[in-house]
Amino acid sequence: MNQISSSTHSGAASGAVFMLAASLAFAGSNTLQAVLPTPIEYGGFGMSSTGMAFWQYVIASILALPIIMRIGLRNLRTSHPIAHEIRAFASALGVHVFVYGFASGVPIWQMVTLLATGPLFIILGSTLFLGERASSARIGAALTGFAGAIIVSGVGAEGFTWQTFVPILAAALWATTDILTKYLTRQGESPETLTISLLVLITPNHLAILLLATAFAWALPAGAAPGFPFALPSGTGLVLLLLLGALTGAAQYLLSFAYRAADATFLQPFGDLKVPLGAIVGWIVLGQVPSIWFWPGAALIILASLFLYLVEGRDRPPHFAAA
């Protein structure tokens, strides 16, 4: 029994460390996503937000090649290609919507915190489309987290604008990805197929979204269309773009290690630490001071995750760390 307990605690500790490291990587990438699209006259690099997302995932995909080779392209075989494609497209579109929020001037602390609406969309989608029955603890935690996100958004305050809904839309798109993952798992798709299909399909979908956005921009009246979206920044901007891609790839590696070491319910509170971490990094690097609404809202989100962990942890079977 002592050996089992030691293995369990070791896996949990490793998972928590990897999740914290992933949260730091996300905080760094969010900061760069805010800097690169900012106009040059305001101290940024003037990148197209869709172009930035495309190059970000091209770099991350190149860094993910060892994972792709290890899993093997043979695992791309599937009986549900359309579901896999919709899943990859929703994931890619969520990225483009999210970085558009940064380009629109939504501060990091608000962008990251409003993603906490995602669990509510997952519960709604799983209930409506997969026939799942959500526990009262999950519903209560999701509603509490959603309330915290609404508080952070500044409803009724001067800072509440239509851009506030941008990260909420991104959260809904990423929730769609998670729901489709659940659906495909029920259809017998292996974890290897789910992983490699997303890694292989994500970059072509980013390219398709970029081309669609470019076609739409070129259809605008003369002088309204942005610059060439594939354009790369030079000098420091190019270094930061490479760093953004590297942080994106590193975050995915760290997440995979975390979920291999411990279960998702245990890791959720540690993952939610990306909310205050993102705000702190944005504050230090960009001088984006969170509003007074941020702190109570962020506290509600983290408390909701801790509550869910404590409630569901009572019935969680022992978890063994992967060798």
C-alpha atoms as a PDB file:
ATOM      1  CA  MET A   1       0.000   0.000   0.000  1.00  0.00           C
ATOM      2  CA  ASN A   2       2.826   2.413   0.835  1.00  0.00           C
ATOM      3  CA  GLN A   3       4.425   1.725  -2.556  1.00  0.00           C
ATOM      4  CA  ILE A   4       1.127   2.483  -4.344  1.00  0.00           C
ATOM      5  CA  SER A   5       0.663   5.667  -2.329  1.00  0.00           C
ATOM      6  CA  SER A   6       4.215   6.804  -3.088  1.00  0.00           C
ATOM      7  CA  SER A   7       3.727   6.189  -6.810  1.00  0.00           C
ATOM      8  CA  THR A   8       0.412   8.063  -6.771  1.00  0.00           C
ATOM      9  CA  HIS A   9       1.826  11.083  -4.942  1.00  0.00           C
ATOM     10  CA  SER A  10       4.889  11.126  -7.195  1.00  0.00           C
ATOM     11  CA  GLY A  11       2.691  11.139 -10.308  1.00  0.00           C
ATOM     12  CA  ALA A  12       0.440  13.843  -8.880  1.00  0.00           C
ATOM     13  CA  ALA A  13       3.414  16.041  -7.971  1.00  0.00           C
ATOM     14  CA  SER A  14       4.966  15.590 -11.423  1.00  0.00           C
ATOM     15  CA  GLY A  15       1.653  16.350 -13.107  1.00  0.00           C
ATOM     16  CA  ALA A  16       1.216  19.531 -11.066  1.00  0.00           C
ATOM     17  CA  VAL A  17       4.739  20.729 -11.943  1.00  0.00           C
ATOM     18  CA  PHE A  18       4.220  20.069 -15.661  1.00  0.00           C
ATOM     19  CA  MET A  19       0.830  21.827 -15.590  1.00  0.00           C
ATOM     20  CA  LEU A  20       2.330  24.876 -13.859  1.00  0.00           C
ATOM     21  CA  ALA A  21       5.121  24.960 -16.441  1.00  0.00           C
ATOM     22  CA  ALA A  22       2.515  24.743 -19.228  1.00  0.00           C
ATOM     23  CA  SER A  23       0.595  27.629 -17.637  1.00  0.00           C
ATOM     24  CA  LEU A  24       3.772  29.736 -17.670  1.00  0.00           C
ATOM     25  CA  ALA A  25       4.335  28.853 -21.334  1.00  0.00           C
ATOM     26  CA  PHE A  26       0.748  29.901 -22.121  1.00  0.00           C
ATOM     27  CA  ALA A  27       1.241  33.163 -20.219  1.00  0.00           C
ATOM     28  CA  GLY A  28       4.350  33.890 -22.292  1.00  0.00           C
ATOM     29  CA  SER A  29       2.634  33.019 -25.576  1.00  0.00           C
ATOM     30  CA  ASN A  30      -0.375  35.191 -24.691  1.00  0.00           C
ATOM     31  CA  THR A  31       1.929  38.133 -24.063  1.00  0.00           C
ATOM     32  CA  LEU A  32       3.593  37.662 -27.466  1.00  0.00           C
ATOM     33  CA  GLN A  33       0.176  37.295 -29.124  1.00  0.00           C
ATOM     34  CA  ALA A  34      -0.673  40.716 -27.734  1.00  0.00           C
ATOM     35  CA  VAL A  35       2.625  42.347 -28.787  1.00  0.00           C
ATOM     36  CA  LEU A  36       3.087  41.101 -32.363  1.00  0.00           C
ATOM     37  CA  PRO A  37      -0.223  42.395 -33.857  1.00  0.00           C
ATOM     38  CA  THR A  38       0.050  45.774 -32.100  1.00  0.00           C
ATOM     39  CA  PRO A  39       0.653  48.587 -34.640  1.00  0.00           C
ATOM     40  CA  ILE A  40       4.265  49.723 -34.979  1.00  0.00           C
ATOM     41  CA  GLU A  41       3.412  53.253 -33.868  1.00  0.00           C
ATOM     42  CA  TYR A  42       2.232  51.824 -30.519  1.00  0.00           C
ATOM     43  CA  GLY A  43       5.373  49.773 -29.931  1.00  0.00           C
ATOM     44  CA  GLY A  44       4.327  46.512 -31.589  1.00  0.00           C
ATOM     45  CA  PHE A  45       5.249  44.836 -34.872  1.00  0.00           C
ATOM     46  CA  GLY A  46       2.054  45.283 -36.894  1.00  0.00           C
ATOM     47  CA  MET A  47       1.559  41.629 -37.829  1.00  0.00           C
ATOM     48  CA  SER A  48      -1.760  40.430 -39.214  1.00  0.00           C
ATOM     49  CA  SER A  49      -3.442  38.466 -36.407  1.00  0.00           C
ATOM     50  CA  THR A  50      -4.425  35.653 -38.810  1.00  0.00           C
ATOM     51  CA  GLY A  51      -0.909  35.606 -40.271  1.00  0.00           C
ATOM     52  CA  MET A  52       0.577  35.438 -36.800  1.00  0.00           C
ATOM     53  CA  ALA A  53      -1.648  32.471 -35.858  1.00  0.00           C
ATOM     54  CA  PHE A  54      -0.695  30.674 -39.092  1.00  0.00           C
ATOM     55  CA  TRP A  55       3.071  31.059 -38.612  1.00  0.00           C
ATOM     56  CA  GLN A  56       2.744  30.310 -34.904  1.00  0.00           C
ATOM     57  CA  TYR A  57       1.320  26.871 -35.647  1.00  0.00           C
ATOM     58  CA  VAL A  58       3.628  26.201 -38.584  1.00  0.00           C
ATOM     59  CA  ILE A  59       6.543  26.590 -36.157  1.00  0.00           C
ATOM     60  CA  ALA A  60       4.770  24.568 -33.456  1.00  0.00           C
ATOM     61  CA  SER A  61       3.971  21.785 -35.959  1.00  0.00           C
ATOM     62  CA  ILE A  62       7.603  21.555 -37.018  1.00  0.00           C
ATOM     63  CA  LEU A  63       8.568  21.211 -33.353  1.00  0.00           C
ATOM     64  CA  ALA A  64       5.865  18.534 -32.975  1.00  0.00           C
ATOM     65  CA  LEU A  65       7.385  16.336 -35.719  1.00  0.00           C
ATOM     66  CA  PRO A  66       9.065  14.041 -33.143  1.00  0.00           C
ATOM     67  CA  ILE A  67       5.619  13.355 -31.622  1.00  0.00           C
ATOM     68  CA  ILE A  68       4.134  12.727 -35.078  1.00  0.00           C
ATOM     69  CA  MET A  69       6.931  10.309 -35.994  1.00  0.00           C
ATOM     70  CA  ARG A  70       6.685   8.529 -32.664  1.00  0.00           C
ATOM     71  CA  ILE A  71       2.927   8.021 -32.966  1.00  0.00           C
ATOM     72  CA  GLY A  72       3.192   7.039 -36.646  1.00  0.00           C
ATOM     73  CA  LEU A  73       1.200   8.237 -39.651  1.00  0.00           C
ATOM     74  CA  ARG A  74      -0.512   4.834 -39.820  1.00  0.00           C
ATOM     75  CA  ASN A  75      -2.689   6.025 -36.930  1.00  0.00           C
ATOM     76  CA  LEU A  76      -4.321   8.552 -39.270  1.00  0.00           C
ATOM     77  CA  ARG A  77      -6.598   5.760 -40.518  1.00  0.00           C
ATOM     78  CA  THR A  78     -10.115   6.489 -39.330  1.00  0.00           C
ATOM     79  CA  SER A  79     -13.766   5.791 -40.111  1.00  0.00           C
ATOM     80  CA  HIS A  80     -14.730   9.341 -39.112  1.00  0.00           C
ATOM     81  CA  PRO A  81     -12.661  11.719 -41.297  1.00  0.00           C
ATOM     82  CA  ILE A  82     -15.335  14.452 -41.386  1.00  0.00           C
ATOM     83  CA  ALA A  83     -15.592  14.600 -37.582  1.00  0.00           C
ATOM     84  CA  HIS A  84     -11.801  14.819 -37.330  1.00  0.00           C
ATOM     85  CA  GLU A  85     -11.741  17.654 -39.872  1.00  0.00           C
ATOM     86  CA  ILE A  86     -14.492  19.614 -38.092  1.00  0.00           C
ATOM     87  CA  ARG A  87     -12.606  19.115 -34.830  1.00  0.00           C
ATOM     88  CA  ALA A  88      -9.366  20.466 -36.307  1.00  0.00           C
ATOM     89  CA  PHE A  89     -11.152  23.380 -37.994  1.00  0.00           C
ATOM     90  CA  ALA A  90     -12.925  24.385 -34.760  1.00  0.00           C
ATOM     91  CA  SER A  91      -9.612  24.266 -32.912  1.00  0.00           C
ATOM     92  CA  ALA A  92      -7.849  26.391 -35.542  1.00  0.00           C
ATOM     93  CA  LEU A  93     -10.718  28.876 -35.787  1.00  0.00           C
ATOM     94  CA  GLY A  94     -10.689  29.234 -32.006  1.00  0.00           C
ATOM     95  CA  VAL A  95      -7.030  30.259 -32.201  1.00  0.00           C
ATOM     96  CA  HIS A  96      -7.736  32.878 -34.878  1.00  0.00           C
ATOM     97  CA  VAL A  97     -10.686  34.293 -32.933  1.00  0.00           C
ATOM     98  CA  PHE A  98      -8.562  34.391 -29.767  1.00  0.00           C
ATOM     99  CA  VAL A  99      -5.628  36.259 -31.361  1.00  0.00           C
ATOM    100  CA  TYR A 100      -8.100  38.617 -33.042  1.00  0.00           C
ATOM    101  CA  GLY A 101      -9.136  39.611 -29.531  1.00  0.00           C
ATOM    102  CA  PHE A 102      -5.557  40.654 -28.778  1.00  0.00           C
ATOM    103  CA  ALA A 103      -5.382  42.554 -32.068  1.00  0.00           C
ATOM    104  CA  SER A 104      -8.630  44.334 -31.117  1.00  0.00           C
ATOM    105  CA  GLY A 105      -7.053  45.641 -27.942  1.00  0.00           C
ATOM    106  CA  VAL A 106      -8.634  43.345 -25.347  1.00  0.00           C
ATOM    107  CA  PRO A 107      -6.140  43.168 -22.433  1.00  0.00           C
ATOM    108  CA  ILE A 108      -4.465  39.868 -21.576  1.00  0.00           C
ATOM    109  CA  TRP A 109      -6.050  39.585 -18.134  1.00  0.00           C
ATOM    110  CA  GLN A 110      -9.527  39.806 -19.675  1.00  0.00           C
ATOM    111  CA  MET A 111      -8.775  37.511 -22.625  1.00  0.00           C
ATOM    112  CA  VAL A 112      -7.379  34.680 -20.505  1.00  0.00           C
ATOM    113  CA  THR A 113      -9.992  34.902 -17.768  1.00  0.00           C
ATOM    114  CA  LEU A 114     -12.979  34.868 -20.129  1.00  0.00           C
ATOM    115  CA  LEU A 115     -11.783  31.515 -21.486  1.00  0.00           C
ATOM    116  CA  ALA A 116     -13.082  30.131 -18.176  1.00  0.00           C
ATOM    117  CA  THR A 117     -16.531  30.110 -19.781  1.00  0.00           C
ATOM    118  CA  GLY A 118     -15.367  27.010 -21.698  1.00  0.00           C
ATOM    119  CA  PRO A 119     -16.484  24.372 -19.124  1.00  0.00           C
ATOM    120  CA  LEU A 120     -20.058  25.665 -19.279  1.00  0.00           C
ATOM    121  CA  PHE A 121     -20.093  25.221 -23.072  1.00  0.00           C
ATOM    122  CA  ILE A 122     -18.644  21.727 -22.675  1.00  0.00           C
ATOM    123  CA  ILE A 123     -21.355  20.741 -20.191  1.00  0.00           C
ATOM    124  CA  LEU A 124     -24.115  22.172 -22.400  1.00  0.00           C
ATOM    125  CA  GLY A 125     -22.738  20.516 -25.544  1.00  0.00           C
ATOM    126  CA  SER A 126     -22.142  17.163 -23.871  1.00  0.00           C
ATOM    127  CA  THR A 127     -25.663  17.189 -22.466  1.00  0.00           C
ATOM    128  CA  LEU A 128     -27.418  18.270 -25.681  1.00  0.00           C
ATOM    129  CA  PHE A 129     -25.396  16.327 -28.260  1.00  0.00           C
ATOM    130  CA  LEU A 130     -23.860  13.394 -26.383  1.00  0.00           C
ATOM    131  CA  GLY A 131     -26.676  12.679 -23.932  1.00  0.00           C
ATOM    132  CA  GLU A 132     -24.406  12.956 -20.885  1.00  0.00           C
ATOM    133  CA  ARG A 133     -25.787  13.729 -17.438  1.00  0.00           C
ATOM    134  CA  ALA A 134     -23.684  16.361 -15.693  1.00  0.00           C
ATOM    135  CA  SER A 135     -23.355  16.086 -11.909  1.00  0.00           C
ATOM    136  CA  SER A 136     -24.625  18.929  -9.753  1.00  0.00           C
ATOM    137  CA  ALA A 137     -21.034  19.583  -8.670  1.00  0.00           C
ATOM    138  CA  ARG A 138     -19.886  20.039 -12.281  1.00  0.00           C
ATOM    139  CA  ILE A 139     -22.873  22.278 -13.126  1.00  0.00           C
ATOM    140  CA  GLY A 140     -22.330  24.353  -9.976  1.00  0.00           C
ATOM    141  CA  ALA A 141     -18.579  24.719 -10.647  1.00  0.00           C
ATOM    142  CA  ALA A 142     -19.168  25.648 -14.295  1.00  0.00           C
ATOM    143  CA  LEU A 143     -21.806  28.261 -13.393  1.00  0.00           C
ATOM    144  CA  THR A 144     -19.551  29.701 -10.686  1.00  0.00           C
ATOM    145  CA  GLY A 145     -16.650  29.919 -13.121  1.00  0.00           C
ATOM    146  CA  PHE A 146     -18.932  31.543 -15.686  1.00  0.00           C
ATOM    147  CA  ALA A 147     -20.083  34.084 -13.077  1.00  0.00           C
ATOM    148  CA  GLY A 148     -16.443  34.836 -12.306  1.00  0.00           C
ATOM    149  CA  ALA A 149     -15.754  35.390 -16.000  1.00  0.00           C
ATOM    150  CA  ILE A 150     -18.728  37.766 -16.273  1.00  0.00           C
ATOM    151  CA  ILE A 151     -17.429  39.740 -13.274  1.00  0.00           C
ATOM    152  CA  VAL A 152     -13.988  39.990 -14.906  1.00  0.00           C
ATOM    153  CA  SER A 153     -15.582  41.199 -18.144  1.00  0.00           C
ATOM    154  CA  GLY A 154     -16.792  44.278 -16.287  1.00  0.00           C
ATOM    155  CA  VAL A 155     -20.511  44.014 -17.028  1.00  0.00           C
ATOM    156  CA  GLY A 156     -22.062  47.358 -16.276  1.00  0.00           C
ATOM    157  CA  ALA A 157     -18.645  49.021 -16.182  1.00  0.00           C
ATOM    158  CA  GLU A 158     -17.001  51.294 -18.713  1.00  0.00           C
ATOM    159  CA  GLY A 159     -14.642  48.557 -19.917  1.00  0.00           C
ATOM    160  CA  PHE A 160     -17.417  46.246 -21.208  1.00  0.00           C
ATOM    161  CA  THR A 161     -17.493  46.295 -25.031  1.00  0.00           C
ATOM    162  CA  TRP A 162     -18.424  43.948 -27.866  1.00  0.00           C
ATOM    163  CA  GLN A 163     -14.781  42.801 -27.968  1.00  0.00           C
ATOM    164  CA  THR A 164     -15.433  41.190 -24.600  1.00  0.00           C
ATOM    165  CA  PHE A 165     -17.367  38.462 -26.418  1.00  0.00           C
ATOM    166  CA  VAL A 166     -14.358  37.530 -28.593  1.00  0.00           C
ATOM    167  CA  PRO A 167     -12.634  35.256 -26.021  1.00  0.00           C
ATOM    168  CA  ILE A 168     -16.039  33.791 -25.088  1.00  0.00           C
ATOM    169  CA  LEU A 169     -16.507  32.791 -28.742  1.00  0.00           C
ATOM    170  CA  ALA A 170     -13.011  31.279 -28.714  1.00  0.00           C
ATOM    171  CA  ALA A 171     -13.954  29.323 -25.586  1.00  0.00           C
ATOM    172  CA  ALA A 172     -17.090  28.006 -27.336  1.00  0.00           C
ATOM    173  CA  LEU A 173     -15.054  26.892 -30.365  1.00  0.00           C
ATOM    174  CA  TRP A 174     -12.487  25.090 -28.213  1.00  0.00           C
ATOM    175  CA  ALA A 175     -15.330  23.502 -26.249  1.00  0.00           C
ATOM    176  CA  THR A 176     -16.614  22.179 -29.600  1.00  0.00           C
ATOM    177  CA  THR A 177     -13.204  20.568 -30.107  1.00  0.00           C
ATOM    178  CA  ASP A 178     -13.431  18.896 -26.694  1.00  0.00           C
ATOM    179  CA  ILE A 179     -16.983  17.652 -27.320  1.00  0.00           C
ATOM    180  CA  LEU A 180     -15.951  16.167 -30.671  1.00  0.00           C
ATOM    181  CA  THR A 181     -13.015  14.510 -28.923  1.00  0.00           C
ATOM    182  CA  LYS A 182     -15.461  12.876 -26.505  1.00  0.00           C
ATOM    183  CA  TYR A 183     -17.669  11.813 -29.410  1.00  0.00           C
ATOM    184  CA  LEU A 184     -14.770  10.255 -31.333  1.00  0.00           C
ATOM    185  CA  THR A 185     -13.569   8.453 -28.213  1.00  0.00           C
ATOM    186  CA  ARG A 186     -17.021   6.877 -27.904  1.00  0.00           C
ATOM    187  CA  GLN A 187     -16.754   5.756 -31.529  1.00  0.00           C
ATOM    188  CA  GLY A 188     -13.638   3.788 -30.644  1.00  0.00           C
ATOM    189  CA  GLU A 189     -10.962   6.175 -31.903  1.00  0.00           C
ATOM    190  CA  SER A 190      -7.633   5.625 -30.151  1.00  0.00           C
ATOM    191  CA  PRO A 191      -5.749   8.377 -28.280  1.00  0.00           C
ATOM    192  CA  GLU A 192      -2.996   8.048 -30.924  1.00  0.00           C
ATOM    193  CA  THR A 193      -5.458   8.746 -33.757  1.00  0.00           C
ATOM    194  CA  LEU A 194      -6.991  11.690 -31.895  1.00  0.00           C
ATOM    195  CA  THR A 195      -3.571  13.207 -31.227  1.00  0.00           C
ATOM    196  CA  ILE A 196      -1.976  12.771 -34.625  1.00  0.00           C
ATOM    197  CA  SER A 197      -5.071  13.809 -36.579  1.00  0.00           C
ATOM    198  CA  LEU A 198      -5.104  17.159 -34.784  1.00  0.00           C
ATOM    199  CA  LEU A 199      -1.340  17.644 -35.191  1.00  0.00           C
ATOM    200  CA  VAL A 200      -1.468  16.877 -38.923  1.00  0.00           C
ATOM    201  CA  LEU A 201      -4.700  18.739 -39.751  1.00  0.00           C
ATOM    202  CA  ILE A 202      -4.224  21.869 -37.648  1.00  0.00           C
ATOM    203  CA  THR A 203      -1.765  23.688 -39.957  1.00  0.00           C
ATOM    204  CA  PRO A 204      -3.738  23.139 -43.214  1.00  0.00           C
ATOM    205  CA  ASN A 205      -6.824  24.456 -41.423  1.00  0.00           C
ATOM    206  CA  HIS A 206      -4.908  27.518 -40.245  1.00  0.00           C
ATOM    207  CA  LEU A 207      -3.882  28.081 -43.865  1.00  0.00           C
ATOM    208  CA  ALA A 208      -7.499  27.735 -45.071  1.00  0.00           C
ATOM    209  CA  ILE A 209      -8.715  30.260 -42.481  1.00  0.00           C
ATOM    210  CA  LEU A 210      -5.921  32.656 -43.422  1.00  0.00           C
ATOM    211  CA  LEU A 211      -6.815  32.416 -47.126  1.00  0.00           C
ATOM    212  CA  LEU A 212     -10.519  32.978 -46.358  1.00  0.00           C
ATOM    213  CA  ALA A 213      -9.701  35.989 -44.188  1.00  0.00           C
ATOM    214  CA  THR A 214      -7.421  37.357 -46.915  1.00  0.00           C
ATOM    215  CA  ALA A 215     -10.116  36.959 -49.579  1.00  0.00           C
ATOM    216  CA  PHE A 216     -12.594  38.766 -47.341  1.00  0.00           C
ATOM    217  CA  ALA A 217     -10.100  41.574 -46.656  1.00  0.00           C
ATOM    218  CA  TRP A 218      -9.397  42.045 -50.364  1.00  0.00           C
ATOM    219  CA  ALA A 219     -13.150  42.365 -50.957  1.00  0.00           C
ATOM    220  CA  LEU A 220     -13.266  45.408 -48.669  1.00  0.00           C
ATOM    221  CA  PRO A 221     -13.306  48.934 -50.121  1.00  0.00           C
ATOM    222  CA  ALA A 222      -9.972  50.319 -51.306  1.00  0.00           C
ATOM    223  CA  GLY A 223      -7.767  51.384 -48.430  1.00  0.00           C
ATOM    224  CA  ALA A 224      -9.652  49.301 -45.840  1.00  0.00           C
ATOM    225  CA  ALA A 225      -7.871  45.986 -46.407  1.00  0.00           C
ATOM    226  CA  PRO A 226      -4.892  45.162 -44.169  1.00  0.00           C
ATOM    227  CA  GLY A 227      -1.407  44.408 -45.459  1.00  0.00           C
ATOM    228  CA  PHE A 228      -0.159  41.099 -46.864  1.00  0.00           C
ATOM    229  CA  PRO A 229      -1.105  38.544 -44.159  1.00  0.00           C
ATOM    230  CA  PHE A 230       1.763  36.123 -44.904  1.00  0.00           C
ATOM    231  CA  ALA A 231       4.357  38.843 -44.291  1.00  0.00           C
ATOM    232  CA  LEU A 232       6.924  38.009 -41.626  1.00  0.00           C
ATOM    233  CA  PRO A 233       8.334  40.628 -39.274  1.00  0.00           C
ATOM    234  CA  SER A 234      12.060  41.304 -39.323  1.00  0.00           C
ATOM    235  CA  GLY A 235      14.668  41.550 -36.595  1.00  0.00           C
ATOM    236  CA  THR A 236      13.257  41.390 -33.092  1.00  0.00           C
ATOM    237  CA  GLY A 237       9.747  40.706 -34.402  1.00  0.00           C
ATOM    238  CA  LEU A 238      10.914  37.539 -36.182  1.00  0.00           C
ATOM    239  CA  VAL A 239      12.720  36.354 -33.049  1.00  0.00           C
ATOM    240  CA  LEU A 240       9.558  36.896 -31.005  1.00  0.00           C
ATOM    241  CA  LEU A 241       7.468  35.013 -33.589  1.00  0.00           C
ATOM    242  CA  LEU A 242       9.870  32.061 -33.414  1.00  0.00           C
ATOM    243  CA  LEU A 243       9.668  32.230 -29.627  1.00  0.00           C
ATOM    244  CA  LEU A 244       5.856  32.252 -29.849  1.00  0.00           C
ATOM    245  CA  GLY A 245       5.879  29.092 -31.944  1.00  0.00           C
ATOM    246  CA  ALA A 246       8.361  27.458 -29.581  1.00  0.00           C
ATOM    247  CA  LEU A 247       6.266  28.331 -26.514  1.00  0.00           C
ATOM    248  CA  THR A 248       3.143  26.966 -28.239  1.00  0.00           C
ATOM    249  CA  GLY A 249       4.903  23.682 -28.977  1.00  0.00           C
ATOM    250  CA  ALA A 250       6.414  23.543 -25.476  1.00  0.00           C
ATOM    251  CA  ALA A 251       3.024  24.097 -23.853  1.00  0.00           C
ATOM    252  CA  GLN A 252       1.575  21.138 -25.774  1.00  0.00           C
ATOM    253  CA  TYR A 253       4.492  18.905 -24.762  1.00  0.00           C
ATOM    254  CA  LEU A 254       4.133  19.944 -21.118  1.00  0.00           C
ATOM    255  CA  LEU A 255       0.370  19.313 -21.175  1.00  0.00           C
ATOM    256  CA  SER A 256       0.895  15.828 -22.588  1.00  0.00           C
ATOM    257  CA  PHE A 257       3.414  15.049 -19.821  1.00  0.00           C
ATOM    258  CA  ALA A 258       1.038  16.436 -17.182  1.00  0.00           C
ATOM    259  CA  TYR A 259      -1.935  14.341 -18.336  1.00  0.00           C
ATOM    260  CA  ARG A 260       0.278  11.276 -18.563  1.00  0.00           C
ATOM    261  CA  ALA A 261       1.306  11.716 -14.920  1.00  0.00           C
ATOM    262  CA  ALA A 262      -2.035  12.602 -13.288  1.00  0.00           C
ATOM    263  CA  ASP A 263      -5.759  12.705 -14.061  1.00  0.00           C
ATOM    264  CA  ALA A 264      -7.503  15.744 -15.512  1.00  0.00           C
ATOM    265  CA  THR A 265      -9.718  16.485 -12.500  1.00  0.00           C
ATOM    266  CA  PHE A 266      -6.698  16.754 -10.208  1.00  0.00           C
ATOM    267  CA  LEU A 267      -4.851  18.989 -12.688  1.00  0.00           C
ATOM    268  CA  GLN A 268      -7.709  21.439 -13.366  1.00  0.00           C
ATOM    269  CA  PRO A 269      -6.964  23.839 -10.456  1.00  0.00           C
ATOM    270  CA  PHE A 270      -3.310  24.004 -11.487  1.00  0.00           C
ATOM    271  CA  GLY A 271      -4.337  24.707 -15.074  1.00  0.00           C
ATOM    272  CA  ASP A 272      -6.535  27.574 -13.903  1.00  0.00           C
ATOM    273  CA  LEU A 273      -3.461  29.274 -12.483  1.00  0.00           C
ATOM    274  CA  LYS A 274      -2.836  30.504 -16.033  1.00  0.00           C
ATOM    275  CA  VAL A 275      -5.476  33.164 -15.279  1.00  0.00           C
ATOM    276  CA  PRO A 276      -3.480  35.047 -12.601  1.00  0.00           C
ATOM    277  CA  LEU A 277      -0.173  34.143 -14.269  1.00  0.00           C
ATOM    278  CA  GLY A 278      -1.351  35.652 -17.567  1.00  0.00           C
ATOM    279  CA  ALA A 279      -2.476  38.801 -15.771  1.00  0.00           C
ATOM    280  CA  ILE A 280       0.816  39.129 -13.886  1.00  0.00           C
ATOM    281  CA  VAL A 281       2.961  38.627 -17.011  1.00  0.00           C
ATOM    282  CA  GLY A 282       0.833  41.121 -18.956  1.00  0.00           C
ATOM    283  CA  TRP A 283       1.118  43.570 -16.072  1.00  0.00           C
ATOM    284  CA  ILE A 284       4.922  43.268 -15.834  1.00  0.00           C
ATOM    285  CA  VAL A 285       5.741  43.131 -19.554  1.00  0.00           C
ATOM    286  CA  LEU A 286       3.040  45.325 -21.097  1.00  0.00           C
ATOM    287  CA  GLY A 287       1.902  47.433 -18.172  1.00  0.00           C
ATOM    288  CA  GLN A 288      -1.713  46.188 -18.557  1.00  0.00           C
ATOM    289  CA  VAL A 289      -3.012  46.720 -15.025  1.00  0.00           C
ATOM    290  CA  PRO A 290      -6.005  44.449 -14.295  1.00  0.00           C
ATOM    291  CA  SER A 291      -9.223  46.204 -13.343  1.00  0.00           C
ATOM    292  CA  ILE A 292     -10.635  45.930  -9.847  1.00  0.00           C
ATOM    293  CA  TRP A 293     -13.132  43.380 -11.231  1.00  0.00           C
ATOM    294  CA  PHE A 294     -10.359  40.958 -12.185  1.00  0.00           C
ATOM    295  CA  TRP A 295      -9.445  39.827  -8.676  1.00  0.00           C
ATOM    296  CA  PRO A 296     -12.863  38.689  -7.354  1.00  0.00           C
ATOM    297  CA  GLY A 297     -13.718  37.141 -10.732  1.00  0.00           C
ATOM    298  CA  ALA A 298     -10.429  35.219 -10.959  1.00  0.00           C
ATOM    299  CA  ALA A 299     -10.855  34.082  -7.335  1.00  0.00           C
ATOM    300  CA  LEU A 300     -14.312  32.653  -8.165  1.00  0.00           C
ATOM    301  CA  ILE A 301     -12.890  30.735 -11.150  1.00  0.00           C
ATOM    302  CA  ILE A 302     -10.066  29.174  -9.127  1.00  0.00           C
ATOM    303  CA  LEU A 303     -12.352  28.391  -6.168  1.00  0.00           C
ATOM    304  CA  ALA A 304     -14.804  26.660  -8.531  1.00  0.00           C
ATOM    305  CA  SER A 305     -12.029  24.386  -9.806  1.00  0.00           C
ATOM    306  CA  LEU A 306     -10.803  23.649  -6.283  1.00  0.00           C
ATOM    307  CA  PHE A 307     -14.364  22.797  -5.227  1.00  0.00           C
ATOM    308  CA  LEU A 308     -14.758  20.379  -8.141  1.00  0.00           C
ATOM    309  CA  TYR A 309     -11.397  18.790  -7.346  1.00  0.00           C
ATOM    310  CA  LEU A 310     -12.324  18.285  -3.679  1.00  0.00           C
ATOM    311  CA  VAL A 311     -15.804  16.908  -4.429  1.00  0.00           C
ATOM    312  CA  GLU A 312     -14.827  14.558  -7.242  1.00  0.00           C
ATOM    313  CA  GLY A 313     -11.513  13.649  -5.660  1.00  0.00           C
ATOM    314  CA  ARG A 314     -13.313  11.710  -2.935  1.00  0.00           C
ATOM    315  CA  ASP A 315     -14.495   9.139  -5.489  1.00  0.00           C
ATOM    316  CA  ARG A 316     -11.433   9.192  -7.729  1.00  0.00           C
ATOM    317  CA  PRO A 317      -9.617   5.848  -7.921  1.00  0.00           C
ATOM    318  CA  PRO A 318      -5.849   5.762  -7.325  1.00  0.00           C
ATOM    319  CA  HIS A 319      -3.904   6.937 -10.360  1.00  0.00           C
ATOM    320  CA  PHE A 320      -0.648   5.316 -11.346  1.00  0.00           C
ATOM    321  CA  ALA A 321       1.999   7.441 -13.014  1.00  0.00           C
ATOM    322  CA  ALA A 322       3.122   6.279 -16.440  1.00  0.00           C
ATOM    323  CA  ALA A 323       6.480   4.584 -16.599  1.00  0.00           C
END
